[in-house]
């Protein structure tokens, strides 16, 4: 016997996954902005970066190595932002077309909608978990790239003392 309270519970699970998807998208956009800024500086301003490296007495190859974790992080973010195949809850037209005669009872209706929400929220949770995992790896690579920048700054300071 399905109740409206049970329906609301499963609907809230689905809504939670929707909010999670939006939060993950926001996080991915922040990562994308940071990565893009650094890669543009390194790759499009290569000549200027090479001159700076020479003045700071840092091997240019070390600075170019900075682009490797940033590029890997960019790939992970792009995979996370790809078009994801989220599960919709139900198709209103299909529900109406499925009514025969007087239609379902409230219990039958709620049972079917609960099943729709349970399936959709479970499937969307799997997609969100996969996206979250990719963004976690992108974050780790980004942190590694930032640590490499700190190392290069320390190296430049030490070489130019």
Protein backbone atom coordinates (compact mmCIF):
# COMPACT_ATOMS: atom_id res chain seq x y z
CA UNK A 1 0.00 0.00 0.00
CA UNK A 2 1.76 3.11 -1.28
CA UNK A 3 1.13 6.42 0.43
CA UNK A 4 1.68 10.05 -0.47
CA UNK A 5 4.36 10.26 2.25
CA UNK A 6 6.29 7.42 0.62
CA UNK A 7 5.91 9.16 -2.73
CA UNK A 8 7.30 12.40 -1.27
CA UNK A 9 10.25 10.51 0.22
CA UNK A 10 11.27 9.01 -3.13
CA UNK A 11 10.68 12.32 -4.85
CA UNK A 12 13.04 13.99 -2.38
CA UNK A 13 15.72 11.39 -3.24
CA UNK A 14 15.37 12.28 -6.89
CA UNK A 15 15.49 16.03 -6.14
CA UNK A 16 18.64 15.50 -4.06
CA UNK A 17 20.39 13.90 -7.03
CA UNK A 18 19.32 16.83 -9.20
CA UNK A 19 20.90 19.26 -6.72
CA UNK A 20 24.05 17.14 -6.57
CA UNK A 21 24.34 17.24 -10.36
CA UNK A 22 24.16 21.04 -10.31
CA UNK A 23 26.80 21.26 -7.56
CA UNK A 24 29.13 18.96 -9.51
CA UNK A 25 28.67 21.07 -12.61
CA UNK A 26 29.56 24.21 -10.64
CA UNK A 27 32.68 22.57 -9.25
CA UNK A 28 33.72 21.46 -12.72
CA UNK A 29 33.35 25.01 -14.03
CA UNK A 30 35.62 26.35 -11.28
CA UNK A 31 38.26 23.74 -12.12
CA UNK A 32 37.89 24.53 -15.81
CA UNK A 33 38.49 28.22 -15.19
CA UNK A 34 41.64 27.63 -13.15
CA UNK A 35 43.08 25.06 -15.55
CA UNK A 36 42.35 27.20 -18.59
CA UNK A 37 44.04 30.24 -17.08
CA UNK A 38 47.24 28.34 -16.37
CA UNK A 39 47.32 26.42 -19.66
CA UNK A 40 46.70 29.57 -21.70
CA UNK A 41 49.54 31.28 -19.88
CA UNK A 42 51.94 28.39 -20.45
CA UNK A 43 50.98 27.35 -23.96
CA UNK A 44 49.89 30.54 -25.69
CA UNK A 45 52.52 32.71 -24.07
CA UNK A 46 55.32 30.16 -24.54
CA UNK A 47 57.82 32.74 -25.76
CA UNK A 48 57.24 35.00 -22.76
CA UNK A 49 57.33 32.04 -20.39
CA UNK A 50 60.61 30.88 -21.93
CA UNK A 51 62.13 34.35 -21.41
CA UNK A 52 60.94 34.37 -17.80
CA UNK A 53 62.37 30.91 -17.24
CA UNK A 54 65.71 32.03 -18.62
CA UNK A 55 65.76 35.12 -16.39
CA UNK A 56 64.83 33.02 -13.35
CA UNK A 57 67.45 30.39 -14.31
CA UNK A 58 64.82 27.63 -14.34
CA UNK A 59 64.95 24.99 -17.07
CA UNK A 60 62.11 25.72 -19.50
CA UNK A 61 61.35 21.98 -19.64
CA UNK A 62 60.34 22.10 -15.96
CA UNK A 63 57.82 24.82 -16.71
CA UNK A 64 56.48 22.86 -19.67
CA UNK A 65 56.10 19.85 -17.38
CA UNK A 66 53.54 21.97 -15.54
CA UNK A 67 51.29 21.60 -18.57
CA UNK A 68 51.15 17.79 -18.20
CA UNK A 69 49.12 17.53 -14.97
CA UNK A 70 47.06 20.53 -16.05
CA UNK A 71 46.25 18.85 -19.37
CA UNK A 72 45.37 15.59 -17.63
CA UNK A 73 43.16 17.52 -15.23
CA UNK A 74 41.50 19.28 -18.17
CA UNK A 75 40.70 15.91 -19.77
CA UNK A 76 39.12 14.69 -16.53
CA UNK A 77 37.00 17.84 -16.23
CA UNK A 78 35.89 17.56 -19.84
CA UNK A 79 34.88 13.94 -19.27
CA UNK A 80 32.98 14.99 -16.17
CA UNK A 81 31.19 17.77 -18.07
CA UNK A 82 30.25 15.61 -21.04
CA UNK A 83 26.59 15.23 -21.80
CA UNK A 84 25.29 12.83 -19.19
CA UNK A 85 22.31 10.58 -19.75
CA UNK A 86 20.23 11.32 -16.67
CA UNK A 87 17.06 9.36 -16.12
CA UNK A 88 13.83 11.31 -16.21
CA UNK A 89 11.14 10.43 -13.72
CA UNK A 90 8.25 9.73 -16.04
CA UNK A 91 6.45 10.70 -19.19
CA UNK A 92 3.14 12.39 -18.43
CA UNK A 93 1.61 11.51 -21.81
CA UNK A 94 2.53 7.85 -21.38
CA UNK A 95 0.97 7.84 -17.91
CA UNK A 96 -2.31 9.29 -19.22
CA UNK A 97 -2.33 6.89 -22.18
CA UNK A 98 -1.86 3.95 -19.80
CA UNK A 99 -5.12 4.78 -18.01
CA UNK A 100 -7.80 2.34 -19.04
CA UNK A 101 -11.38 2.92 -18.05
CA UNK A 102 -11.52 4.80 -14.75
CA UNK A 103 -7.75 4.80 -14.37
CA UNK A 104 -5.67 3.55 -11.47
CA UNK A 105 -6.51 3.95 -7.84
CA UNK A 106 -4.47 6.42 -5.81
CA UNK A 107 -2.51 3.51 -4.35
CA UNK A 108 -1.67 2.12 -7.80
CA UNK A 109 -0.77 5.57 -9.06
CA UNK A 110 1.56 6.26 -6.13
CA UNK A 111 3.14 2.80 -6.42
CA UNK A 112 3.99 3.44 -10.06
CA UNK A 113 5.36 6.92 -9.38
CA UNK A 114 7.41 5.65 -6.43
CA UNK A 115 8.92 3.04 -8.75
CA UNK A 116 9.68 5.79 -11.30
CA UNK A 117 11.41 7.98 -8.71
CA UNK A 118 13.28 5.05 -7.14
CA UNK A 119 14.65 3.94 -10.53
CA UNK A 120 15.54 7.45 -11.70
CA UNK A 121 17.21 8.54 -8.46
CA UNK A 122 19.24 5.32 -8.27
CA UNK A 123 20.44 5.63 -11.86
CA UNK A 124 21.20 9.34 -11.50
CA UNK A 125 23.13 8.66 -8.28
CA UNK A 126 25.39 6.30 -10.23
CA UNK A 127 26.01 8.98 -12.86
CA UNK A 128 26.70 11.60 -10.16
CA UNK A 129 29.11 9.24 -8.39
CA UNK A 130 31.00 8.69 -11.63
CA UNK A 131 31.14 12.45 -12.29
CA UNK A 132 32.28 13.09 -8.72
CA UNK A 133 35.06 10.54 -9.07
CA UNK A 134 36.35 12.17 -12.27
CA UNK A 135 36.27 15.59 -10.63
CA UNK A 136 38.13 14.21 -7.62
CA UNK A 137 40.92 13.03 -9.91
CA UNK A 138 40.89 16.37 -11.73
CA UNK A 139 41.22 18.10 -8.35
CA UNK A 140 44.16 15.90 -7.35
CA UNK A 141 45.93 16.65 -10.62
CA UNK A 142 45.23 20.35 -10.17
CA UNK A 143 46.68 20.26 -6.65
CA UNK A 144 49.75 18.46 -8.00
CA UNK A 145 50.13 21.17 -10.65
CA UNK A 146 49.86 23.91 -8.00
CA UNK A 147 52.47 22.15 -5.86
CA UNK A 148 54.72 22.01 -8.91
CA UNK A 149 54.32 25.78 -9.31
CA UNK A 150 55.27 26.27 -5.65
CA UNK A 151 58.30 24.02 -6.20
CA UNK A 152 59.32 26.09 -9.24
CA UNK A 153 58.95 29.31 -7.25
CA UNK A 154 61.14 27.91 -4.46
CA UNK A 155 63.66 26.68 -7.03
CA UNK A 156 63.75 30.12 -8.71
CA UNK A 157 64.25 31.81 -5.36
CA UNK A 158 67.05 29.42 -4.45
CA UNK A 159 68.79 29.72 -7.84
CA UNK A 160 68.61 33.53 -7.80
CA UNK A 161 69.80 34.23 -4.28
